[in-house]
């Protein structure tokens, strides 16, 4: 979606441009097609380049022009907070308390918040699904108790799926016992 917005904002006067993404690298690629035959004329794959659309072959050049207004309209990159838990519980590990404090400062009235809980592979999958959801709900409750506007936060439990550290069944892995909170 963001790439489409960037491209729509950069295609003007017979030109197309590819801006850099959040990391500074190209935010994907742009294929330029012949409007009659549909054949590809070429691609832009390097960040901050542009090409004219009215030529037979795409020749990327450095981007010129001021795209400050377009870039200022882009939302800031999401912030990701990872909180870890004591085995088998919804109790934060002591090392995660500062992360929870940082999360409290990041959430505002306009924030879109996604809270996803996970477990390690100890226990059965159904219990882990419930525990992961309970952990996510516990984080939301901690934020709400501070008066933060997270009542509509998306809360999900993934159980032992999407392990941060791949393990076999029945493995007590602290890095997998987590809640990831994405704040946009």
N, C-alpha and C. Protein backbone atom coordinates (compact mmCIF):
# COMPACT_ATOMS: atom_id res chain seq x y z
N UNK A 1 0.82 -1.19 0.00
CA UNK A 1 0.00 0.00 0.00
C UNK A 1 0.86 1.25 0.00
N UNK A 2 1.87 1.28 0.92
CA UNK A 2 2.73 2.46 0.98
C UNK A 2 3.47 2.64 -0.32
N UNK A 3 3.90 1.52 -0.93
CA UNK A 3 4.61 1.60 -2.20
C UNK A 3 3.71 2.19 -3.28
N UNK A 4 2.44 1.79 -3.29
CA UNK A 4 1.52 2.33 -4.28
C UNK A 4 1.35 3.83 -4.10
N UNK A 5 1.30 4.28 -2.86
CA UNK A 5 1.19 5.71 -2.59
C UNK A 5 2.44 6.42 -3.07
N UNK A 6 3.60 5.82 -2.78
CA UNK A 6 4.84 6.44 -3.23
C UNK A 6 4.90 6.53 -4.74
N UNK A 7 4.50 5.46 -5.40
CA UNK A 7 4.56 5.45 -6.85
C UNK A 7 3.57 6.42 -7.45
N UNK A 8 2.38 6.45 -6.90
CA UNK A 8 1.37 7.37 -7.42
C UNK A 8 1.84 8.80 -7.27
N UNK A 9 2.52 9.09 -6.18
CA UNK A 9 3.01 10.44 -5.96
C UNK A 9 4.20 10.78 -6.82
N UNK A 10 4.91 9.77 -7.32
CA UNK A 10 6.12 10.02 -8.08
C UNK A 10 5.90 9.97 -9.58
N UNK A 11 4.79 9.47 -10.04
CA UNK A 11 4.56 9.38 -11.47
C UNK A 11 3.89 10.68 -11.92
N UNK A 12 4.65 11.48 -12.62
CA UNK A 12 4.10 12.73 -13.12
C UNK A 12 4.90 13.16 -14.33
N UNK A 13 4.29 13.95 -15.19
CA UNK A 13 4.95 14.51 -16.37
C UNK A 13 5.70 13.44 -17.15
N UNK A 14 5.11 12.25 -17.27
CA UNK A 14 5.75 11.21 -18.06
C UNK A 14 6.94 10.57 -17.39
N UNK A 15 7.01 10.61 -16.07
CA UNK A 15 8.13 10.02 -15.34
C UNK A 15 7.59 9.12 -14.24
N UNK A 16 8.41 8.18 -13.84
CA UNK A 16 8.10 7.34 -12.69
C UNK A 16 9.35 7.30 -11.83
N UNK A 17 9.16 7.28 -10.50
CA UNK A 17 10.29 7.26 -9.59
C UNK A 17 10.14 6.19 -8.55
N UNK A 18 11.27 5.76 -8.01
CA UNK A 18 11.29 4.77 -6.94
C UNK A 18 12.04 5.40 -5.76
N UNK A 19 11.32 5.63 -4.69
CA UNK A 19 11.91 6.23 -3.50
C UNK A 19 12.51 5.16 -2.61
N UNK A 20 13.30 5.60 -1.66
CA UNK A 20 13.86 4.67 -0.69
C UNK A 20 12.81 4.31 0.34
N UNK A 21 12.93 3.14 0.92
CA UNK A 21 12.03 2.69 1.97
C UNK A 21 12.55 3.11 3.32
N UNK A 22 11.99 2.52 4.37
CA UNK A 22 12.36 2.88 5.73
C UNK A 22 13.82 2.61 6.02
N UNK A 23 14.39 1.58 5.39
CA UNK A 23 15.79 1.23 5.65
C UNK A 23 16.76 2.02 4.79
N UNK A 24 16.25 2.81 3.85
CA UNK A 24 17.11 3.54 2.94
C UNK A 24 17.30 2.82 1.61
N UNK A 25 16.97 1.54 1.57
CA UNK A 25 17.06 0.77 0.33
C UNK A 25 15.79 1.00 -0.49
N UNK A 26 15.80 0.52 -1.73
CA UNK A 26 14.62 0.65 -2.58
C UNK A 26 13.44 -0.05 -1.92
N UNK A 27 12.27 0.56 -2.06
CA UNK A 27 11.05 -0.01 -1.49
C UNK A 27 10.41 -0.94 -2.51
N UNK A 28 11.15 -1.90 -3.03
CA UNK A 28 10.64 -2.81 -4.04
C UNK A 28 11.23 -2.49 -5.39
N UNK A 29 10.41 -2.56 -6.42
CA UNK A 29 10.85 -2.27 -7.78
C UNK A 29 9.65 -1.77 -8.57
N UNK A 30 9.95 -1.09 -9.68
CA UNK A 30 8.89 -0.61 -10.57
C UNK A 30 9.18 -1.15 -11.96
N UNK A 31 8.24 -1.89 -12.50
CA UNK A 31 8.35 -2.35 -13.88
C UNK A 31 7.57 -1.39 -14.76
N UNK A 32 8.20 -0.95 -15.85
CA UNK A 32 7.55 -0.04 -16.78
C UNK A 32 7.16 -0.86 -18.01
N UNK A 33 5.86 -0.87 -18.31
CA UNK A 33 5.34 -1.68 -19.42
C UNK A 33 4.94 -0.80 -20.58
N UNK A 34 5.08 -1.34 -21.78
CA UNK A 34 4.61 -0.66 -22.98
C UNK A 34 3.09 -0.64 -22.93
N UNK A 35 2.46 0.53 -23.09
CA UNK A 35 1.00 0.60 -22.97
C UNK A 35 0.26 -0.12 -24.09
N UNK A 36 0.91 -0.34 -25.20
CA UNK A 36 0.25 -1.01 -26.33
C UNK A 36 0.41 -2.52 -26.28
N UNK A 37 1.66 -2.97 -26.10
CA UNK A 37 1.94 -4.41 -26.18
C UNK A 37 1.95 -5.08 -24.81
N UNK A 38 2.16 -4.31 -23.76
CA UNK A 38 2.28 -4.88 -22.43
C UNK A 38 3.67 -5.42 -22.14
N UNK A 39 4.57 -5.33 -23.13
CA UNK A 39 5.94 -5.82 -22.94
C UNK A 39 6.67 -4.91 -21.95
N UNK A 40 7.54 -5.52 -21.18
CA UNK A 40 8.29 -4.74 -20.21
C UNK A 40 9.37 -3.93 -20.92
N UNK A 41 9.42 -2.64 -20.61
CA UNK A 41 10.44 -1.76 -21.16
C UNK A 41 11.68 -1.72 -20.26
N UNK A 42 11.51 -2.01 -19.02
CA UNK A 42 12.61 -1.99 -18.08
C UNK A 42 12.09 -1.83 -16.67
N UNK A 43 13.03 -1.73 -15.72
CA UNK A 43 12.66 -1.64 -14.31
C UNK A 43 13.50 -0.59 -13.59
N UNK A 44 12.93 -0.07 -12.54
CA UNK A 44 13.68 0.71 -11.57
C UNK A 44 13.82 -0.18 -10.35
N UNK A 45 15.06 -0.42 -9.94
CA UNK A 45 15.30 -1.28 -8.77
C UNK A 45 16.20 -0.60 -7.74
N UNK A 46 16.70 0.57 -8.08
CA UNK A 46 17.58 1.30 -7.18
C UNK A 46 16.82 2.46 -6.55
N UNK A 47 17.01 2.63 -5.26
CA UNK A 47 16.31 3.70 -4.53
C UNK A 47 16.66 5.07 -5.08
N UNK A 48 15.68 5.96 -5.04
CA UNK A 48 15.84 7.35 -5.44
C UNK A 48 16.29 7.52 -6.88
N UNK A 49 15.65 6.73 -7.75
CA UNK A 49 15.89 6.86 -9.19
C UNK A 49 14.57 7.15 -9.89
N UNK A 50 14.67 7.64 -11.12
CA UNK A 50 13.49 7.95 -11.92
C UNK A 50 13.78 7.56 -13.37
N UNK A 51 12.73 7.47 -14.16
CA UNK A 51 12.87 7.19 -15.59
C UNK A 51 11.71 7.83 -16.32
N UNK A 52 11.98 8.22 -17.56
CA UNK A 52 10.93 8.77 -18.41
C UNK A 52 10.08 7.62 -18.93
N UNK A 53 8.79 7.87 -19.10
CA UNK A 53 7.88 6.83 -19.57
C UNK A 53 7.72 6.84 -21.09
N UNK A 54 8.18 7.88 -21.76
CA UNK A 54 7.93 8.01 -23.19
C UNK A 54 9.09 7.53 -24.06
N UNK A 55 9.93 6.64 -23.50
CA UNK A 55 11.04 6.09 -24.26
C UNK A 55 10.85 4.59 -24.42
N UNK A 56 11.55 4.02 -25.40
CA UNK A 56 11.44 2.57 -25.64
C UNK A 56 12.11 1.76 -24.53
N UNK A 57 13.18 2.30 -23.97
CA UNK A 57 13.93 1.60 -22.94
C UNK A 57 13.99 2.46 -21.69
N UNK A 58 13.80 1.84 -20.55
CA UNK A 58 13.87 2.56 -19.28
C UNK A 58 15.34 2.77 -18.94
N UNK A 59 15.70 4.03 -18.73
CA UNK A 59 17.06 4.38 -18.35
C UNK A 59 17.01 5.10 -17.01
N UNK A 60 17.26 4.37 -15.92
CA UNK A 60 17.19 4.99 -14.60
C UNK A 60 18.22 6.12 -14.44
N UNK A 61 17.78 7.20 -13.82
CA UNK A 61 18.63 8.34 -13.51
C UNK A 61 18.37 8.73 -12.06
N UNK A 62 19.29 9.48 -11.46
CA UNK A 62 19.03 9.94 -10.09
C UNK A 62 17.75 10.76 -10.04
N UNK A 63 17.02 10.62 -8.96
CA UNK A 63 15.76 11.31 -8.77
C UNK A 63 16.02 12.80 -8.59
N UNK A 64 15.27 13.62 -9.30
CA UNK A 64 15.35 15.06 -9.12
C UNK A 64 13.97 15.56 -8.70
N UNK A 65 13.95 16.71 -8.15
CA UNK A 65 12.67 17.27 -7.70
C UNK A 65 12.55 17.17 -6.20
N UNK A 66 11.60 17.87 -5.67
CA UNK A 66 11.38 17.90 -4.24
C UNK A 66 10.17 17.03 -3.91
N UNK A 67 10.43 15.95 -3.21
CA UNK A 67 9.36 15.04 -2.81
C UNK A 67 9.10 15.15 -1.31
N UNK A 68 9.51 16.27 -0.72
CA UNK A 68 9.33 16.47 0.71
C UNK A 68 7.89 16.40 1.14
N UNK A 69 6.98 16.98 0.34
CA UNK A 69 5.56 16.96 0.71
C UNK A 69 5.03 15.53 0.72
N UNK A 70 5.44 14.75 -0.27
CA UNK A 70 5.01 13.35 -0.33
C UNK A 70 5.55 12.58 0.86
N UNK A 71 6.83 12.74 1.12
CA UNK A 71 7.44 12.00 2.22
C UNK A 71 6.88 12.43 3.57
N UNK A 72 6.56 13.71 3.71
CA UNK A 72 6.02 14.16 5.00
C UNK A 72 4.60 13.63 5.23
N UNK A 73 3.92 13.22 4.17
CA UNK A 73 2.58 12.66 4.31
C UNK A 73 2.61 11.18 4.70
N UNK A 74 3.78 10.56 4.59
CA UNK A 74 3.90 9.15 4.93
C UNK A 74 3.87 8.98 6.44
N UNK A 75 3.23 7.92 6.92
CA UNK A 75 3.22 7.70 8.37
C UNK A 75 4.62 7.30 8.83
N UNK A 76 4.92 7.54 10.09
CA UNK A 76 6.22 7.12 10.60
C UNK A 76 6.28 5.59 10.61
N UNK A 77 7.47 5.02 10.59
CA UNK A 77 7.57 3.56 10.65
C UNK A 77 7.00 3.04 11.96
N UNK A 78 6.47 1.82 11.96
CA UNK A 78 5.93 1.28 13.20
C UNK A 78 7.03 1.03 14.22
N UNK A 79 6.65 1.11 15.49
CA UNK A 79 7.55 0.76 16.58
C UNK A 79 7.15 -0.63 17.06
N UNK A 80 8.14 -1.47 17.31
CA UNK A 80 7.87 -2.83 17.77
C UNK A 80 8.50 -3.01 19.15
N UNK A 81 7.70 -3.49 20.09
CA UNK A 81 8.14 -3.75 21.45
C UNK A 81 7.95 -5.23 21.72
N UNK A 82 8.95 -5.88 22.30
CA UNK A 82 8.86 -7.30 22.63
C UNK A 82 9.02 -7.47 24.13
N UNK A 83 8.02 -8.08 24.74
CA UNK A 83 7.99 -8.32 26.18
C UNK A 83 8.08 -9.83 26.41
N UNK A 84 8.85 -10.23 27.41
CA UNK A 84 9.04 -11.65 27.69
C UNK A 84 8.38 -12.02 29.02
N UNK A 85 8.06 -13.33 29.17
CA UNK A 85 7.26 -13.79 30.30
C UNK A 85 7.90 -14.95 31.03
N UNK A 86 7.53 -15.07 32.30
CA UNK A 86 7.93 -16.21 33.13
C UNK A 86 7.20 -17.43 32.59
N UNK A 87 7.88 -18.56 32.57
CA UNK A 87 7.33 -19.79 31.99
C UNK A 87 5.96 -20.14 32.57
N UNK A 88 5.01 -20.40 31.67
CA UNK A 88 3.69 -20.88 32.06
C UNK A 88 2.79 -19.82 32.68
N UNK A 89 3.19 -18.53 32.66
CA UNK A 89 2.41 -17.50 33.34
C UNK A 89 2.17 -16.29 32.43
N UNK A 90 1.40 -15.35 32.96
CA UNK A 90 1.21 -14.06 32.31
C UNK A 90 2.01 -12.98 33.03
N UNK A 91 3.01 -13.41 33.81
CA UNK A 91 3.86 -12.48 34.56
C UNK A 91 5.05 -12.09 33.70
N UNK A 92 5.25 -10.77 33.55
CA UNK A 92 6.39 -10.27 32.79
C UNK A 92 7.69 -10.70 33.45
N UNK A 93 8.69 -11.01 32.63
CA UNK A 93 10.03 -11.23 33.19
C UNK A 93 10.55 -9.88 33.67
N UNK A 94 11.38 -9.86 34.71
CA UNK A 94 11.90 -8.58 35.22
C UNK A 94 12.60 -7.74 34.15
N UNK A 95 13.26 -8.39 33.19
CA UNK A 95 13.96 -7.66 32.13
C UNK A 95 13.01 -6.91 31.20
N UNK A 96 11.73 -7.27 31.20
CA UNK A 96 10.76 -6.64 30.30
C UNK A 96 10.07 -5.41 30.88
N UNK A 97 10.28 -5.15 32.15
CA UNK A 97 9.63 -3.99 32.78
C UNK A 97 10.03 -2.68 32.09
N UNK A 98 11.32 -2.44 31.79
CA UNK A 98 11.67 -1.20 31.08
C UNK A 98 11.04 -1.12 29.69
N UNK A 99 10.88 -2.24 29.02
CA UNK A 99 10.24 -2.25 27.70
C UNK A 99 8.77 -1.86 27.82
N UNK A 100 8.11 -2.36 28.86
CA UNK A 100 6.71 -1.98 29.09
C UNK A 100 6.61 -0.48 29.35
N UNK A 101 7.56 0.07 30.11
CA UNK A 101 7.56 1.52 30.36
C UNK A 101 7.75 2.29 29.06
N UNK A 102 8.65 1.85 28.19
CA UNK A 102 8.86 2.51 26.91
C UNK A 102 7.61 2.41 26.05
N UNK A 103 6.94 1.27 26.09
CA UNK A 103 5.69 1.08 25.35
C UNK A 103 4.63 2.06 25.84
N UNK A 104 4.54 2.24 27.13
CA UNK A 104 3.56 3.18 27.70
C UNK A 104 3.76 4.59 27.14
N UNK A 105 5.00 4.98 26.93
CA UNK A 105 5.30 6.31 26.39
C UNK A 105 5.05 6.40 24.89
N UNK A 106 5.05 5.29 24.20
CA UNK A 106 4.88 5.29 22.75
C UNK A 106 3.41 5.34 22.32
N UNK A 107 2.52 4.86 23.15
CA UNK A 107 1.09 4.79 22.80
C UNK A 107 0.44 6.14 23.02
N UNK A 108 -0.31 6.58 22.01
CA UNK A 108 -1.05 7.84 22.12
C UNK A 108 -2.49 7.61 21.68
N UNK A 109 -3.27 8.66 21.75
CA UNK A 109 -4.69 8.57 21.37
C UNK A 109 -4.87 8.22 19.90
N UNK A 110 -3.88 8.51 19.08
CA UNK A 110 -4.00 8.23 17.64
C UNK A 110 -3.30 6.95 17.23
N UNK A 111 -2.73 6.23 18.17
CA UNK A 111 -1.98 5.01 17.85
C UNK A 111 -2.89 3.87 17.42
N UNK A 112 -2.40 3.11 16.45
CA UNK A 112 -3.00 1.84 16.08
C UNK A 112 -2.11 0.78 16.72
N UNK A 113 -2.68 -0.07 17.58
CA UNK A 113 -1.88 -1.00 18.36
C UNK A 113 -2.30 -2.44 18.07
N UNK A 114 -1.30 -3.27 17.76
CA UNK A 114 -1.51 -4.71 17.55
C UNK A 114 -0.69 -5.44 18.60
N UNK A 115 -1.35 -6.30 19.39
CA UNK A 115 -0.68 -7.03 20.48
C UNK A 115 -0.83 -8.53 20.20
N UNK A 116 0.31 -9.21 20.02
CA UNK A 116 0.29 -10.63 19.67
C UNK A 116 1.11 -11.43 20.68
N UNK A 117 0.47 -12.43 21.28
CA UNK A 117 1.13 -13.27 22.27
C UNK A 117 1.62 -14.57 21.67
N UNK A 118 2.70 -15.11 22.27
CA UNK A 118 3.31 -16.37 21.83
C UNK A 118 3.74 -17.17 23.05
N UNK A 119 4.00 -18.45 22.84
CA UNK A 119 4.52 -19.32 23.90
C UNK A 119 5.70 -20.11 23.36
N UNK A 120 6.37 -20.82 24.28
CA UNK A 120 7.35 -21.81 23.82
C UNK A 120 6.60 -23.11 23.54
N UNK A 121 7.28 -24.21 23.37
CA UNK A 121 6.61 -25.46 22.97
C UNK A 121 6.36 -26.40 24.14
N UNK A 122 6.57 -25.93 25.38
CA UNK A 122 6.20 -26.78 26.51
C UNK A 122 4.68 -26.71 26.66
N UNK A 123 4.07 -27.79 27.05
CA UNK A 123 2.61 -27.83 27.18
C UNK A 123 1.95 -28.20 25.86
N UNK A 124 0.65 -28.40 25.93
CA UNK A 124 -0.07 -28.81 24.71
C UNK A 124 -0.48 -27.57 23.91
N UNK A 125 -0.66 -27.73 22.60
CA UNK A 125 -0.97 -26.59 21.73
C UNK A 125 -2.22 -25.80 22.14
N UNK A 126 -3.27 -26.47 22.58
CA UNK A 126 -4.49 -25.75 22.97
C UNK A 126 -4.24 -24.87 24.19
N UNK A 127 -3.53 -25.39 25.17
CA UNK A 127 -3.20 -24.59 26.36
C UNK A 127 -2.29 -23.43 25.99
N UNK A 128 -1.37 -23.66 25.07
CA UNK A 128 -0.47 -22.60 24.65
C UNK A 128 -1.22 -21.50 23.89
N UNK A 129 -2.21 -21.89 23.10
CA UNK A 129 -3.03 -20.88 22.41
C UNK A 129 -3.71 -19.97 23.44
N UNK A 130 -4.28 -20.58 24.47
CA UNK A 130 -4.96 -19.79 25.51
C UNK A 130 -3.97 -18.92 26.26
N UNK A 131 -2.82 -19.49 26.65
CA UNK A 131 -1.81 -18.74 27.39
C UNK A 131 -1.29 -17.55 26.57
N UNK A 132 -1.06 -17.76 25.29
CA UNK A 132 -0.55 -16.66 24.46
C UNK A 132 -1.57 -15.53 24.36
N UNK A 133 -2.83 -15.87 24.23
CA UNK A 133 -3.88 -14.85 24.20
C UNK A 133 -3.99 -14.15 25.55
N UNK A 134 -3.90 -14.92 26.64
CA UNK A 134 -3.95 -14.33 27.98
C UNK A 134 -2.79 -13.34 28.19
N UNK A 135 -1.61 -13.68 27.68
CA UNK A 135 -0.47 -12.76 27.80
C UNK A 135 -0.74 -11.46 27.05
N UNK A 136 -1.27 -11.58 25.84
CA UNK A 136 -1.58 -10.38 25.05
C UNK A 136 -2.63 -9.52 25.76
N UNK A 137 -3.65 -10.18 26.30
CA UNK A 137 -4.70 -9.45 27.03
C UNK A 137 -4.12 -8.79 28.28
N UNK A 138 -3.20 -9.46 28.94
CA UNK A 138 -2.55 -8.89 30.14
C UNK A 138 -1.78 -7.62 29.79
N UNK A 139 -1.09 -7.62 28.66
CA UNK A 139 -0.36 -6.41 28.24
C UNK A 139 -1.34 -5.28 27.94
N UNK A 140 -2.40 -5.61 27.22
CA UNK A 140 -3.42 -4.58 26.94
C UNK A 140 -4.00 -4.04 28.24
N UNK A 141 -4.29 -4.91 29.18
CA UNK A 141 -4.85 -4.48 30.47
C UNK A 141 -3.88 -3.58 31.23
N UNK A 142 -2.59 -3.89 31.18
CA UNK A 142 -1.59 -3.06 31.85
C UNK A 142 -1.56 -1.66 31.24
N UNK A 143 -1.66 -1.57 29.94
CA UNK A 143 -1.68 -0.27 29.27
C UNK A 143 -2.97 0.49 29.59
N UNK A 144 -4.09 -0.23 29.56
CA UNK A 144 -5.39 0.40 29.84
C UNK A 144 -5.46 0.89 31.29
N UNK A 145 -4.82 0.16 32.20
CA UNK A 145 -4.83 0.57 33.61
C UNK A 145 -4.13 1.91 33.80
N UNK A 146 -3.23 2.25 32.88
CA UNK A 146 -2.56 3.56 32.92
C UNK A 146 -3.36 4.63 32.21
N UNK A 147 -4.57 4.27 31.76
CA UNK A 147 -5.41 5.24 31.07
C UNK A 147 -5.09 5.39 29.59
N UNK A 148 -4.29 4.49 29.05
CA UNK A 148 -3.94 4.59 27.63
C UNK A 148 -5.08 4.07 26.76
N UNK A 149 -5.29 4.66 25.59
CA UNK A 149 -6.43 4.31 24.74
C UNK A 149 -6.18 3.04 23.93
N UNK A 150 -6.22 1.89 24.57
CA UNK A 150 -5.94 0.64 23.88
C UNK A 150 -7.12 -0.33 23.93
N UNK A 151 -8.29 0.15 24.30
CA UNK A 151 -9.46 -0.73 24.39
C UNK A 151 -9.76 -1.39 23.04
N UNK A 152 -9.45 -0.70 21.96
CA UNK A 152 -9.71 -1.26 20.62
C UNK A 152 -8.47 -1.89 19.99
N UNK A 153 -7.41 -2.07 20.77
CA UNK A 153 -6.20 -2.69 20.24
C UNK A 153 -6.53 -4.10 19.75
N UNK A 154 -5.91 -4.47 18.65
CA UNK A 154 -6.08 -5.83 18.12
C UNK A 154 -5.23 -6.77 18.95
N UNK A 155 -5.87 -7.77 19.54
CA UNK A 155 -5.19 -8.71 20.43
C UNK A 155 -5.32 -10.11 19.85
N UNK A 156 -4.18 -10.78 19.73
CA UNK A 156 -4.15 -12.11 19.11
C UNK A 156 -3.23 -13.02 19.91
N UNK A 157 -3.57 -14.30 19.97
CA UNK A 157 -2.69 -15.31 20.55
C UNK A 157 -2.28 -16.29 19.47
N UNK A 158 -0.98 -16.50 19.31
CA UNK A 158 -0.46 -17.41 18.28
C UNK A 158 0.07 -18.70 18.88
N UNK A 159 0.03 -18.83 20.21
CA UNK A 159 0.49 -20.06 20.83
C UNK A 159 1.94 -20.34 20.50
N UNK A 160 2.20 -21.60 20.13
CA UNK A 160 3.57 -21.99 19.81
C UNK A 160 3.88 -21.89 18.32
N UNK A 161 3.01 -21.24 17.57
CA UNK A 161 3.29 -20.99 16.16
C UNK A 161 4.20 -19.77 16.05
N UNK A 162 4.94 -19.67 14.99
CA UNK A 162 5.82 -18.51 14.75
C UNK A 162 6.84 -18.34 15.86
N UNK A 163 7.56 -19.40 16.13
CA UNK A 163 8.59 -19.36 17.17
C UNK A 163 9.70 -18.38 16.78
N UNK A 164 10.15 -17.61 17.74
CA UNK A 164 11.28 -16.70 17.49
C UNK A 164 12.56 -17.52 17.36
N UNK A 165 12.69 -18.53 18.22
CA UNK A 165 13.81 -19.45 18.17
C UNK A 165 13.23 -20.84 17.86
N UNK A 166 13.47 -21.36 16.66
CA UNK A 166 12.92 -22.67 16.31
C UNK A 166 13.41 -23.77 17.27
N UNK A 167 12.45 -24.52 17.79
CA UNK A 167 12.78 -25.63 18.70
C UNK A 167 11.87 -26.80 18.37
N UNK A 168 12.18 -27.93 18.96
CA UNK A 168 11.30 -29.08 18.87
C UNK A 168 10.22 -28.98 19.94
N UNK A 169 9.35 -30.00 20.00
CA UNK A 169 8.28 -29.98 21.01
C UNK A 169 8.85 -30.11 22.43
N UNK A 170 8.16 -29.47 23.38
CA UNK A 170 8.51 -29.59 24.79
C UNK A 170 9.77 -28.84 25.21
N UNK A 171 10.19 -27.85 24.42
CA UNK A 171 11.42 -27.13 24.74
C UNK A 171 11.09 -25.81 25.44
N UNK A 172 11.70 -25.62 26.60
CA UNK A 172 11.54 -24.41 27.40
C UNK A 172 12.49 -23.36 26.82
N UNK A 173 11.98 -22.48 25.96
CA UNK A 173 12.82 -21.44 25.33
C UNK A 173 12.27 -20.06 25.70
N UNK A 174 12.97 -19.33 26.58
CA UNK A 174 12.47 -18.03 27.04
C UNK A 174 12.21 -17.03 25.92
N UNK A 175 12.96 -17.06 24.84
CA UNK A 175 12.77 -16.09 23.75
C UNK A 175 11.44 -16.30 23.03
N UNK A 176 10.87 -17.48 23.15
CA UNK A 176 9.59 -17.76 22.50
C UNK A 176 8.40 -17.34 23.36
N UNK A 177 8.61 -17.15 24.65
CA UNK A 177 7.54 -16.73 25.57
C UNK A 177 7.47 -15.22 25.56
N UNK A 178 6.70 -14.68 24.61
CA UNK A 178 6.75 -13.24 24.40
C UNK A 178 5.42 -12.69 23.95
N UNK A 179 5.33 -11.38 24.03
CA UNK A 179 4.24 -10.62 23.41
C UNK A 179 4.93 -9.55 22.56
N UNK A 180 4.52 -9.47 21.31
CA UNK A 180 5.04 -8.44 20.42
C UNK A 180 3.94 -7.39 20.24
N UNK A 181 4.30 -6.14 20.45
CA UNK A 181 3.35 -5.03 20.33
C UNK A 181 3.85 -4.11 19.22
N UNK A 182 3.02 -3.93 18.21
CA UNK A 182 3.34 -3.04 17.10
C UNK A 182 2.48 -1.78 17.27
N UNK A 183 3.16 -0.64 17.33
CA UNK A 183 2.49 0.64 17.49
C UNK A 183 2.70 1.46 16.23
N UNK A 184 1.60 1.84 15.59
CA UNK A 184 1.67 2.67 14.38
C UNK A 184 1.05 4.00 14.68
